[in-house]
Amino acid sequence: MATIAKKELVDRIAQRTQSKHVTVKTVVQQFLDEISTELANNNRLEFRDFGVFEVREQAPRTAHNPKTLERIDVPAKRTVKFKMGRIMREKLSSKDGKG
């Protein structure tokens, strides 16, 4: 499994769209910033056929330290849940990944 960095995605998009690298980089970064801002505001983001990002609240709980068996209070926290859309589900279920 390969790791694809933002830089590589920017390079690919710039090449495919024949756009300036710096312009694509700015647009991609602005897109990611907007996603973060909307999730921080507890908004749900829906991209048809791609998927849905949603903030979920995890309740506080008590856990145990496995070494000492000491009880630890874990505070409530917010996490992001992603539910994939139809096109992504089809691409992931195909053998070659190209859908």
PDB file of N, CA and C in Angstrom:
ATOM      1  N   MET A   1       0.846  -1.168   0.000  1.00  0.00           N
ATOM      2  CA  MET A   1       0.000   0.000   0.000  1.00  0.00           C
ATOM      3  C   MET A   1       0.897   1.239   0.000  1.00  0.00           C
ATOM      4  N   ALA A   2       0.692   2.107  -0.953  1.00  0.00           N
ATOM      5  CA  ALA A   2       1.489   3.322  -1.080  1.00  0.00           C
ATOM      6  C   ALA A   2       0.839   4.469  -0.323  1.00  0.00           C
ATOM      7  N   THR A   3       1.651   5.419   0.093  1.00  0.00           N
ATOM      8  CA  THR A   3       1.159   6.645   0.706  1.00  0.00           C
ATOM      9  C   THR A   3       1.291   7.756  -0.318  1.00  0.00           C
ATOM     10  N   ILE A   4       0.191   8.442  -0.570  1.00  0.00           N
ATOM     11  CA  ILE A   4       0.188   9.537  -1.538  1.00  0.00           C
ATOM     12  C   ILE A   4       0.093  10.843  -0.751  1.00  0.00           C
ATOM     13  N   ALA A   5       1.066  11.712  -0.941  1.00  0.00           N
ATOM     14  CA  ALA A   5       1.097  12.994  -0.244  1.00  0.00           C
ATOM     15  C   ALA A   5       0.331  14.047  -1.050  1.00  0.00           C
ATOM     16  N   LYS A   6      -0.011  15.129  -0.375  1.00  0.00           N
ATOM     17  CA  LYS A   6      -0.728  16.223  -1.019  1.00  0.00           C
ATOM     18  C   LYS A   6       0.057  16.736  -2.227  1.00  0.00           C
ATOM     19  N   LYS A   7       1.362  16.815  -2.113  1.00  0.00           N
ATOM     20  CA  LYS A   7       2.202  17.310  -3.206  1.00  0.00           C
ATOM     21  C   LYS A   7       2.012  16.467  -4.463  1.00  0.00           C
ATOM     22  N   GLU A   8       1.953  15.160  -4.302  1.00  0.00           N
ATOM     23  CA  GLU A   8       1.773  14.297  -5.468  1.00  0.00           C
ATOM     24  C   GLU A   8       0.401  14.502  -6.103  1.00  0.00           C
ATOM     25  N   LEU A   9      -0.622  14.673  -5.275  1.00  0.00           N
ATOM     26  CA  LEU A   9      -1.961  14.936  -5.815  1.00  0.00           C
ATOM     27  C   LEU A   9      -1.986  16.260  -6.574  1.00  0.00           C
ATOM     28  N   VAL A  10      -1.347  17.266  -6.004  1.00  0.00           N
ATOM     29  CA  VAL A  10      -1.275  18.576  -6.664  1.00  0.00           C
ATOM     30  C   VAL A  10      -0.556  18.439  -8.000  1.00  0.00           C
ATOM     31  N   ASP A  11       0.549  17.696  -8.018  1.00  0.00           N
ATOM     32  CA  ASP A  11       1.295  17.487  -9.264  1.00  0.00           C
ATOM     33  C   ASP A  11       0.429  16.807 -10.324  1.00  0.00           C
ATOM     34  N   ARG A  12      -0.296  15.787  -9.931  1.00  0.00           N
ATOM     35  CA  ARG A  12      -1.157  15.062 -10.876  1.00  0.00           C
ATOM     36  C   ARG A  12      -2.254  15.963 -11.439  1.00  0.00           C
ATOM     37  N   ILE A  13      -2.914  16.701 -10.546  1.00  0.00           N
ATOM     38  CA  ILE A  13      -4.005  17.580 -10.987  1.00  0.00           C
ATOM     39  C   ILE A  13      -3.469  18.668 -11.904  1.00  0.00           C
ATOM     40  N   ALA A  14      -2.335  19.258 -11.563  1.00  0.00           N
ATOM     41  CA  ALA A  14      -1.740  20.306 -12.396  1.00  0.00           C
ATOM     42  C   ALA A  14      -1.418  19.771 -13.783  1.00  0.00           C
ATOM     43  N   GLN A  15      -0.891  18.555 -13.834  1.00  0.00           N
ATOM     44  CA  GLN A  15      -0.540  17.965 -15.118  1.00  0.00           C
ATOM     45  C   GLN A  15      -1.787  17.654 -15.942  1.00  0.00           C
ATOM     46  N   ARG A  16      -2.787  17.057 -15.315  1.00  0.00           N
ATOM     47  CA  ARG A  16      -4.005  16.674 -16.047  1.00  0.00           C
ATOM     48  C   ARG A  16      -4.806  17.873 -16.523  1.00  0.00           C
ATOM     49  N   THR A  17      -4.817  18.934 -15.739  1.00  0.00           N
ATOM     50  CA  THR A  17      -5.608  20.114 -16.108  1.00  0.00           C
ATOM     51  C   THR A  17      -4.775  21.160 -16.835  1.00  0.00           C
ATOM     52  N   GLN A  18      -3.488  20.904 -16.955  1.00  0.00           N
ATOM     53  CA  GLN A  18      -2.547  21.832 -17.577  1.00  0.00           C
ATOM     54  C   GLN A  18      -2.643  23.210 -16.926  1.00  0.00           C
ATOM     55  N   SER A  19      -2.754  23.196 -15.600  1.00  0.00           N
ATOM     56  CA  SER A  19      -2.816  24.420 -14.809  1.00  0.00           C
ATOM     57  C   SER A  19      -1.482  24.632 -14.112  1.00  0.00           C
ATOM     58  N   LYS A  20      -1.278  25.855 -13.648  1.00  0.00           N
ATOM     59  CA  LYS A  20      -0.050  26.149 -12.922  1.00  0.00           C
ATOM     60  C   LYS A  20      -0.055  25.421 -11.586  1.00  0.00           C
ATOM     61  N   HIS A  21       1.101  24.882 -11.243  1.00  0.00           N
ATOM     62  CA  HIS A  21       1.260  24.119 -10.004  1.00  0.00           C
ATOM     63  C   HIS A  21       0.841  24.948  -8.792  1.00  0.00           C
ATOM     64  N   VAL A  22       1.271  26.204  -8.749  1.00  0.00           N
ATOM     65  CA  VAL A  22       0.983  27.059  -7.601  1.00  0.00           C
ATOM     66  C   VAL A  22      -0.524  27.333  -7.477  1.00  0.00           C
ATOM     67  N   THR A  23      -1.225  27.432  -8.600  1.00  0.00           N
ATOM     68  CA  THR A  23      -2.677  27.655  -8.572  1.00  0.00           C
ATOM     69  C   THR A  23      -3.395  26.432  -8.030  1.00  0.00           C
ATOM     70  N   VAL A  24      -3.015  25.260  -8.508  1.00  0.00           N
ATOM     71  CA  VAL A  24      -3.641  24.016  -8.044  1.00  0.00           C
ATOM     72  C   VAL A  24      -3.361  23.820  -6.559  1.00  0.00           C
ATOM     73  N   LYS A  25      -2.131  24.097  -6.144  1.00  0.00           N
ATOM     74  CA  LYS A  25      -1.773  23.947  -4.734  1.00  0.00           C
ATOM     75  C   LYS A  25      -2.639  24.850  -3.853  1.00  0.00           C
ATOM     76  N   THR A  26      -2.862  26.082  -4.289  1.00  0.00           N
ATOM     77  CA  THR A  26      -3.696  27.025  -3.540  1.00  0.00           C
ATOM     78  C   THR A  26      -5.137  26.539  -3.460  1.00  0.00           C
ATOM     79  N   VAL A  27      -5.671  26.053  -4.569  1.00  0.00           N
ATOM     80  CA  VAL A  27      -7.054  25.574  -4.591  1.00  0.00           C
ATOM     81  C   VAL A  27      -7.219  24.349  -3.701  1.00  0.00           C
ATOM     82  N   VAL A  28      -6.310  23.401  -3.796  1.00  0.00           N
ATOM     83  CA  VAL A  28      -6.390  22.189  -2.977  1.00  0.00           C
ATOM     84  C   VAL A  28      -6.309  22.550  -1.491  1.00  0.00           C
ATOM     85  N   GLN A  29      -5.368  23.428  -1.139  1.00  0.00           N
ATOM     86  CA  GLN A  29      -5.228  23.825   0.268  1.00  0.00           C
ATOM     87  C   GLN A  29      -6.470  24.557   0.757  1.00  0.00           C
ATOM     88  N   GLN A  30      -7.037  25.428  -0.067  1.00  0.00           N
ATOM     89  CA  GLN A  30      -8.261  26.147   0.316  1.00  0.00           C
ATOM     90  C   GLN A  30      -9.417  25.163   0.504  1.00  0.00           C
ATOM     91  N   PHE A  31      -9.503  24.159  -0.365  1.00  0.00           N
ATOM     92  CA  PHE A  31     -10.541  23.130  -0.256  1.00  0.00           C
ATOM     93  C   PHE A  31     -10.412  22.380   1.074  1.00  0.00           C
ATOM     94  N   LEU A  32      -9.195  21.972   1.407  1.00  0.00           N
ATOM     95  CA  LEU A  32      -8.972  21.254   2.666  1.00  0.00           C
ATOM     96  C   LEU A  32      -9.259  22.142   3.872  1.00  0.00           C
ATOM     97  N   ASP A  33      -8.873  23.419   3.782  1.00  0.00           N
ATOM     98  CA  ASP A  33      -9.169  24.363   4.872  1.00  0.00           C
ATOM     99  C   ASP A  33     -10.672  24.523   5.074  1.00  0.00           C
ATOM    100  N   GLU A  34     -11.416  24.606   3.988  1.00  0.00           N
ATOM    101  CA  GLU A  34     -12.875  24.750   4.085  1.00  0.00           C
ATOM    102  C   GLU A  34     -13.507  23.510   4.713  1.00  0.00           C
ATOM    103  N   ILE A  35     -13.016  22.329   4.342  1.00  0.00           N
ATOM    104  CA  ILE A  35     -13.529  21.096   4.950  1.00  0.00           C
ATOM    105  C   ILE A  35     -13.286  21.124   6.458  1.00  0.00           C
ATOM    106  N   SER A  36     -12.070  21.478   6.860  1.00  0.00           N
ATOM    107  CA  SER A  36     -11.742  21.537   8.290  1.00  0.00           C
ATOM    108  C   SER A  36     -12.607  22.549   9.027  1.00  0.00           C
ATOM    109  N   THR A  37     -12.801  23.718   8.423  1.00  0.00           N
ATOM    110  CA  THR A  37     -13.610  24.765   9.049  1.00  0.00           C
ATOM    111  C   THR A  37     -15.053  24.305   9.230  1.00  0.00           C
ATOM    112  N   GLU A  38     -15.618  23.714   8.202  1.00  0.00           N
ATOM    113  CA  GLU A  38     -17.016  23.271   8.290  1.00  0.00           C
ATOM    114  C   GLU A  38     -17.187  22.146   9.309  1.00  0.00           C
ATOM    115  N   LEU A  39     -16.242  21.218   9.365  1.00  0.00           N
ATOM    116  CA  LEU A  39     -16.321  20.148  10.362  1.00  0.00           C
ATOM    117  C   LEU A  39     -16.155  20.710  11.770  1.00  0.00           C
ATOM    118  N   ALA A  40     -15.287  21.703  11.937  1.00  0.00           N
ATOM    119  CA  ALA A  40     -15.111  22.341  13.245  1.00  0.00           C
ATOM    120  C   ALA A  40     -16.396  23.028  13.693  1.00  0.00           C
ATOM    121  N   ASN A  41     -17.214  23.463  12.734  1.00  0.00           N
ATOM    122  CA  ASN A  41     -18.506  24.090  13.040  1.00  0.00           C
ATOM    123  C   ASN A  41     -19.638  23.073  13.139  1.00  0.00           C
ATOM    124  N   ASN A  42     -19.282  21.796  13.230  1.00  0.00           N
ATOM    125  CA  ASN A  42     -20.249  20.691  13.342  1.00  0.00           C
ATOM    126  C   ASN A  42     -21.148  20.540  12.118  1.00  0.00           C
ATOM    127  N   ASN A  43     -20.702  20.985  10.968  1.00  0.00           N
ATOM    128  CA  ASN A  43     -21.485  20.835   9.754  1.00  0.00           C
ATOM    129  C   ASN A  43     -21.156  19.514   9.076  1.00  0.00           C
ATOM    130  N   ARG A  44     -22.137  18.993   8.385  1.00  0.00           N
ATOM    131  CA  ARG A  44     -21.993  17.745   7.634  1.00  0.00           C
ATOM    132  C   ARG A  44     -21.631  18.122   6.204  1.00  0.00           C
ATOM    133  N   LEU A  45     -20.644  17.447   5.628  1.00  0.00           N
ATOM    134  CA  LEU A  45     -20.226  17.709   4.257  1.00  0.00           C
ATOM    135  C   LEU A  45     -20.594  16.523   3.388  1.00  0.00           C
ATOM    136  N   GLU A  46     -21.353  16.789   2.336  1.00  0.00           N
ATOM    137  CA  GLU A  46     -21.799  15.717   1.455  1.00  0.00           C
ATOM    138  C   GLU A  46     -21.325  15.992   0.037  1.00  0.00           C
ATOM    139  N   PHE A  47     -20.571  15.048  -0.497  1.00  0.00           N
ATOM    140  CA  PHE A  47     -20.110  15.111  -1.874  1.00  0.00           C
ATOM    141  C   PHE A  47     -20.760  13.942  -2.602  1.00  0.00           C
ATOM    142  N   ARG A  48     -21.749  14.239  -3.417  1.00  0.00           N
ATOM    143  CA  ARG A  48     -22.517  13.190  -4.095  1.00  0.00           C
ATOM    144  C   ARG A  48     -21.618  12.167  -4.768  1.00  0.00           C
ATOM    145  N   ASP A  49     -21.948  10.911  -4.582  1.00  0.00           N
ATOM    146  CA  ASP A  49     -21.246   9.759  -5.148  1.00  0.00           C
ATOM    147  C   ASP A  49     -19.840   9.547  -4.577  1.00  0.00           C
ATOM    148  N   PHE A  50     -19.275  10.530  -3.869  1.00  0.00           N
ATOM    149  CA  PHE A  50     -17.959  10.366  -3.250  1.00  0.00           C
ATOM    150  C   PHE A  50     -18.110   9.920  -1.809  1.00  0.00           C
ATOM    151  N   GLY A  51     -18.849  10.710  -1.009  1.00  0.00           N
ATOM    152  CA  GLY A  51     -19.048  10.333   0.376  1.00  0.00           C
ATOM    153  C   GLY A  51     -19.488  11.494   1.246  1.00  0.00           C
ATOM    154  N   VAL A  52     -19.643  11.199   2.529  1.00  0.00           N
ATOM    155  CA  VAL A  52     -20.133  12.169   3.502  1.00  0.00           C
ATOM    156  C   VAL A  52     -19.179  12.199   4.693  1.00  0.00           C
ATOM    157  N   PHE A  53     -18.785  13.417   5.094  1.00  0.00           N
ATOM    158  CA  PHE A  53     -17.998  13.628   6.310  1.00  0.00           C
ATOM    159  C   PHE A  53     -18.953  14.157   7.368  1.00  0.00           C
ATOM    160  N   GLU A  54     -18.857  13.602   8.565  1.00  0.00           N
ATOM    161  CA  GLU A  54     -19.780  13.971   9.632  1.00  0.00           C
ATOM    162  C   GLU A  54     -19.041  13.941  10.968  1.00  0.00           C
ATOM    163  N   VAL A  55     -19.318  14.934  11.819  1.00  0.00           N
ATOM    164  CA  VAL A  55     -18.696  14.981  13.140  1.00  0.00           C
ATOM    165  C   VAL A  55     -19.523  14.126  14.088  1.00  0.00           C
ATOM    166  N   ARG A  56     -18.851  13.301  14.857  1.00  0.00           N
ATOM    167  CA  ARG A  56     -19.511  12.455  15.863  1.00  0.00           C
ATOM    168  C   ARG A  56     -18.944  12.779  17.235  1.00  0.00           C
ATOM    169  N   GLU A  57     -19.789  12.768  18.226  1.00  0.00           N
ATOM    170  CA  GLU A  57     -19.366  12.992  19.610  1.00  0.00           C
ATOM    171  C   GLU A  57     -19.135  11.635  20.271  1.00  0.00           C
ATOM    172  N   GLN A  58     -17.995  11.480  20.916  1.00  0.00           N
ATOM    173  CA  GLN A  58     -17.743  10.275  21.699  1.00  0.00           C
ATOM    174  C   GLN A  58     -17.911  10.645  23.162  1.00  0.00           C
ATOM    175  N   ALA A  59     -18.730   9.907  23.853  1.00  0.00           N
ATOM    176  CA  ALA A  59     -19.012  10.179  25.259  1.00  0.00           C
ATOM    177  C   ALA A  59     -17.777   9.915  26.126  1.00  0.00           C
ATOM    178  N   PRO A  60     -17.702  10.583  27.270  1.00  0.00           N
ATOM    179  CA  PRO A  60     -16.594  10.269  28.179  1.00  0.00           C
ATOM    180  C   PRO A  60     -16.718   8.828  28.664  1.00  0.00           C
ATOM    181  N   ARG A  61     -15.593   8.229  28.994  1.00  0.00           N
ATOM    182  CA  ARG A  61     -15.620   6.830  29.427  1.00  0.00           C
ATOM    183  C   ARG A  61     -14.474   6.572  30.390  1.00  0.00           C
ATOM    184  N   THR A  62     -14.530   5.419  31.014  1.00  0.00           N
ATOM    185  CA  THR A  62     -13.456   4.987  31.897  1.00  0.00           C
ATOM    186  C   THR A  62     -12.722   3.849  31.217  1.00  0.00           C
ATOM    187  N   ALA A  63     -11.395   3.966  31.156  1.00  0.00           N
ATOM    188  CA  ALA A  63     -10.567   2.935  30.546  1.00  0.00           C
ATOM    189  C   ALA A  63      -9.599   2.405  31.602  1.00  0.00           C
ATOM    190  N   HIS A  64      -8.847   1.388  31.228  1.00  0.00           N
ATOM    191  CA  HIS A  64      -7.853   0.813  32.136  1.00  0.00           C
ATOM    192  C   HIS A  64      -6.482   0.865  31.485  1.00  0.00           C
ATOM    193  N   ASN A  65      -5.469   1.206  32.261  1.00  0.00           N
ATOM    194  CA  ASN A  65      -4.092   1.105  31.806  1.00  0.00           C
ATOM    195  C   ASN A  65      -3.745  -0.378  31.840  1.00  0.00           C
ATOM    196  N   PRO A  66      -3.388  -0.985  30.716  1.00  0.00           N
ATOM    197  CA  PRO A  66      -3.157  -2.428  30.691  1.00  0.00           C
ATOM    198  C   PRO A  66      -1.969  -2.880  31.546  1.00  0.00           C
ATOM    199  N   LYS A  67      -0.987  -1.997  31.756  1.00  0.00           N
ATOM    200  CA  LYS A  67       0.169  -2.380  32.567  1.00  0.00           C
ATOM    201  C   LYS A  67      -0.149  -2.353  34.054  1.00  0.00           C
ATOM    202  N   THR A  68      -0.798  -1.273  34.504  1.00  0.00           N
ATOM    203  CA  THR A  68      -1.028  -1.098  35.939  1.00  0.00           C
ATOM    204  C   THR A  68      -2.456  -1.428  36.363  1.00  0.00           C
ATOM    205  N   LEU A  69      -3.333  -1.631  35.393  1.00  0.00           N
ATOM    206  CA  LEU A  69      -4.769  -1.853  35.631  1.00  0.00           C
ATOM    207  C   LEU A  69      -5.423  -0.658  36.343  1.00  0.00           C
ATOM    208  N   GLU A  70      -4.750   0.472  36.320  1.00  0.00           N
ATOM    209  CA  GLU A  70      -5.286   1.688  36.918  1.00  0.00           C
ATOM    210  C   GLU A  70      -6.417   2.221  36.035  1.00  0.00           C
ATOM    211  N   ARG A  71      -7.481   2.699  36.668  1.00  0.00           N
ATOM    212  CA  ARG A  71      -8.600   3.282  35.930  1.00  0.00           C
ATOM    213  C   ARG A  71      -8.218   4.687  35.468  1.00  0.00           C
ATOM    214  N   ILE A  72      -8.588   5.001  34.233  1.00  0.00           N
ATOM    215  CA  ILE A  72      -8.278   6.302  33.658  1.00  0.00           C
ATOM    216  C   ILE A  72      -9.564   6.873  33.076  1.00  0.00           C
ATOM    217  N   ASP A  73      -9.849   8.130  33.422  1.00  0.00           N
ATOM    218  CA  ASP A  73     -11.012   8.796  32.846  1.00  0.00           C
ATOM    219  C   ASP A  73     -10.622   9.389  31.499  1.00  0.00           C
ATOM    220  N   VAL A  74     -11.316   8.976  30.450  1.00  0.00           N
ATOM    221  CA  VAL A  74     -11.075   9.487  29.103  1.00  0.00           C
ATOM    222  C   VAL A  74     -12.164  10.513  28.823  1.00  0.00           C
ATOM    223  N   PRO A  75     -11.786  11.761  28.546  1.00  0.00           N
ATOM    224  CA  PRO A  75     -12.794  12.797  28.329  1.00  0.00           C
ATOM    225  C   PRO A  75     -13.550  12.602  27.015  1.00  0.00           C
ATOM    226  N   ALA A  76     -14.673  13.284  26.888  1.00  0.00           N
ATOM    227  CA  ALA A  76     -15.438  13.257  25.639  1.00  0.00           C
ATOM    228  C   ALA A  76     -14.603  13.893  24.543  1.00  0.00           C
ATOM    229  N   LYS A  77     -14.823  13.449  23.314  1.00  0.00           N
ATOM    230  CA  LYS A  77     -14.109  14.053  22.197  1.00  0.00           C
ATOM    231  C   LYS A  77     -14.950  13.965  20.933  1.00  0.00           C
ATOM    232  N   ARG A  78     -14.551  14.777  19.966  1.00  0.00           N
ATOM    233  CA  ARG A  78     -15.239  14.771  18.676  1.00  0.00           C
ATOM    234  C   ARG A  78     -14.337  14.085  17.654  1.00  0.00           C
ATOM    235  N   THR A  79     -14.947  13.261  16.821  1.00  0.00           N
ATOM    236  CA  THR A  79     -14.214  12.584  15.754  1.00  0.00           C
ATOM    237  C   THR A  79     -14.963  12.798  14.444  1.00  0.00           C
ATOM    238  N   VAL A  80     -14.311  12.491  13.344  1.00  0.00           N
ATOM    239  CA  VAL A  80     -14.941  12.622  12.031  1.00  0.00           C
ATOM    240  C   VAL A  80     -15.208  11.236  11.482  1.00  0.00           C
ATOM    241  N   LYS A  81     -16.442  11.033  11.049  1.00  0.00           N
ATOM    242  CA  LYS A  81     -16.825   9.773  10.425  1.00  0.00           C
ATOM    243  C   LYS A  81     -16.967  10.028   8.929  1.00  0.00           C
ATOM    244  N   PHE A  82     -16.467   9.101   8.129  1.00  0.00           N
ATOM    245  CA  PHE A  82     -16.610   9.189   6.678  1.00  0.00           C
ATOM    246  C   PHE A  82     -17.403   7.997   6.200  1.00  0.00           C
ATOM    247  N   LYS A  83     -18.442   8.270   5.439  1.00  0.00           N
ATOM    248  CA  LYS A  83     -19.231   7.198   4.833  1.00  0.00           C
ATOM    249  C   LYS A  83     -19.081   7.343   3.324  1.00  0.00           C
ATOM    250  N   MET A  84     -18.526   6.310   2.687  1.00  0.00           N
ATOM    251  CA  MET A  84     -18.252   6.425   1.263  1.00  0.00           C
ATOM    252  C   MET A  84     -19.524   6.381   0.435  1.00  0.00           C
ATOM    253  N   GLY A  85     -19.457   7.059  -0.694  1.00  0.00           N
ATOM    254  CA  GLY A  85     -20.568   7.116  -1.636  1.00  0.00           C
ATOM    255  C   GLY A  85     -20.498   5.999  -2.660  1.00  0.00           C
ATOM    256  N   ARG A  86     -21.444   6.034  -3.571  1.00  0.00           N
ATOM    257  CA  ARG A  86     -21.614   4.955  -4.542  1.00  0.00           C
ATOM    258  C   ARG A  86     -20.390   4.751  -5.431  1.00  0.00           C
ATOM    259  N   ILE A  87     -19.865   5.813  -6.020  1.00  0.00           N
ATOM    260  CA  ILE A  87     -18.743   5.657  -6.951  1.00  0.00           C
ATOM    261  C   ILE A  87     -17.509   5.133  -6.230  1.00  0.00           C
ATOM    262  N   MET A  88     -17.236   5.659  -5.045  1.00  0.00           N
ATOM    263  CA  MET A  88     -16.081   5.168  -4.294  1.00  0.00           C
ATOM    264  C   MET A  88     -16.271   3.700  -3.908  1.00  0.00           C
ATOM    265  N   ARG A  89     -17.471   3.352  -3.485  1.00  0.00           N
ATOM    266  CA  ARG A  89     -17.749   1.965  -3.109  1.00  0.00           C
ATOM    267  C   ARG A  89     -17.526   1.035  -4.308  1.00  0.00           C
ATOM    268  N   GLU A  90     -17.961   1.466  -5.495  1.00  0.00           N
ATOM    269  CA  GLU A  90     -17.767   0.657  -6.694  1.00  0.00           C
ATOM    270  C   GLU A  90     -16.284   0.519  -7.039  1.00  0.00           C
ATOM    271  N   LYS A  91     -15.534   1.611  -6.913  1.00  0.00           N
ATOM    272  CA  LYS A  91     -14.095   1.552  -7.214  1.00  0.00           C
ATOM    273  C   LYS A  91     -13.366   0.650  -6.235  1.00  0.00           C
ATOM    274  N   LEU A  92     -13.729   0.729  -4.971  1.00  0.00           N
ATOM    275  CA  LEU A  92     -13.057  -0.103  -3.961  1.00  0.00           C
ATOM    276  C   LEU A  92     -13.430  -1.573  -4.100  1.00  0.00           C
ATOM    277  N   SER A  93     -14.612  -1.859  -4.617  1.00  0.00           N
ATOM    278  CA  SER A  93     -15.019  -3.261  -4.736  1.00  0.00           C
ATOM    279  C   SER A  93     -14.519  -3.901  -6.025  1.00  0.00           C
ATOM    280  N   SER A  94     -14.075  -3.087  -6.989  1.00  0.00           N
ATOM    281  CA  SER A  94     -13.534  -3.669  -8.222  1.00  0.00           C
ATOM    282  C   SER A  94     -12.103  -4.135  -7.965  1.00  0.00           C
ATOM    283  N   LYS A  95     -11.683  -5.154  -8.685  1.00  0.00           N
ATOM    284  CA  LYS A  95     -10.368  -5.756  -8.447  1.00  0.00           C
ATOM    285  C   LYS A  95      -9.226  -4.844  -8.849  1.00  0.00           C
ATOM    286  N   ASP A  96      -9.369  -4.074  -9.920  1.00  0.00           N
ATOM    287  CA  ASP A  96      -8.263  -3.236 -10.384  1.00  0.00           C
ATOM    288  C   ASP A  96      -8.289  -1.838  -9.784  1.00  0.00           C
ATOM    289  N   GLY A  97      -9.347  -1.499  -9.016  1.00  0.00           N
ATOM    290  CA  GLY A  97      -9.427  -0.199  -8.367  1.00  0.00           C
ATOM    291  C   GLY A  97      -9.821   0.929  -9.304  1.00  0.00           C
ATOM    292  N   LYS A  98     -10.156   0.620 -10.536  1.00  0.00           N
ATOM    293  CA  LYS A  98     -10.504   1.672 -11.495  1.00  0.00           C
ATOM    294  C   LYS A  98     -11.994   1.758 -11.741  1.00  0.00           C
ATOM    295  N   GLY A  99     -12.752   0.869 -11.126  1.00  0.00           N
ATOM    296  CA  GLY A  99     -14.195   0.922 -11.216  1.00  0.00           C
ATOM    297  C   GLY A  99     -14.687   0.598 -12.543  1.00  0.00           C
TER     298      GLY A  99
END
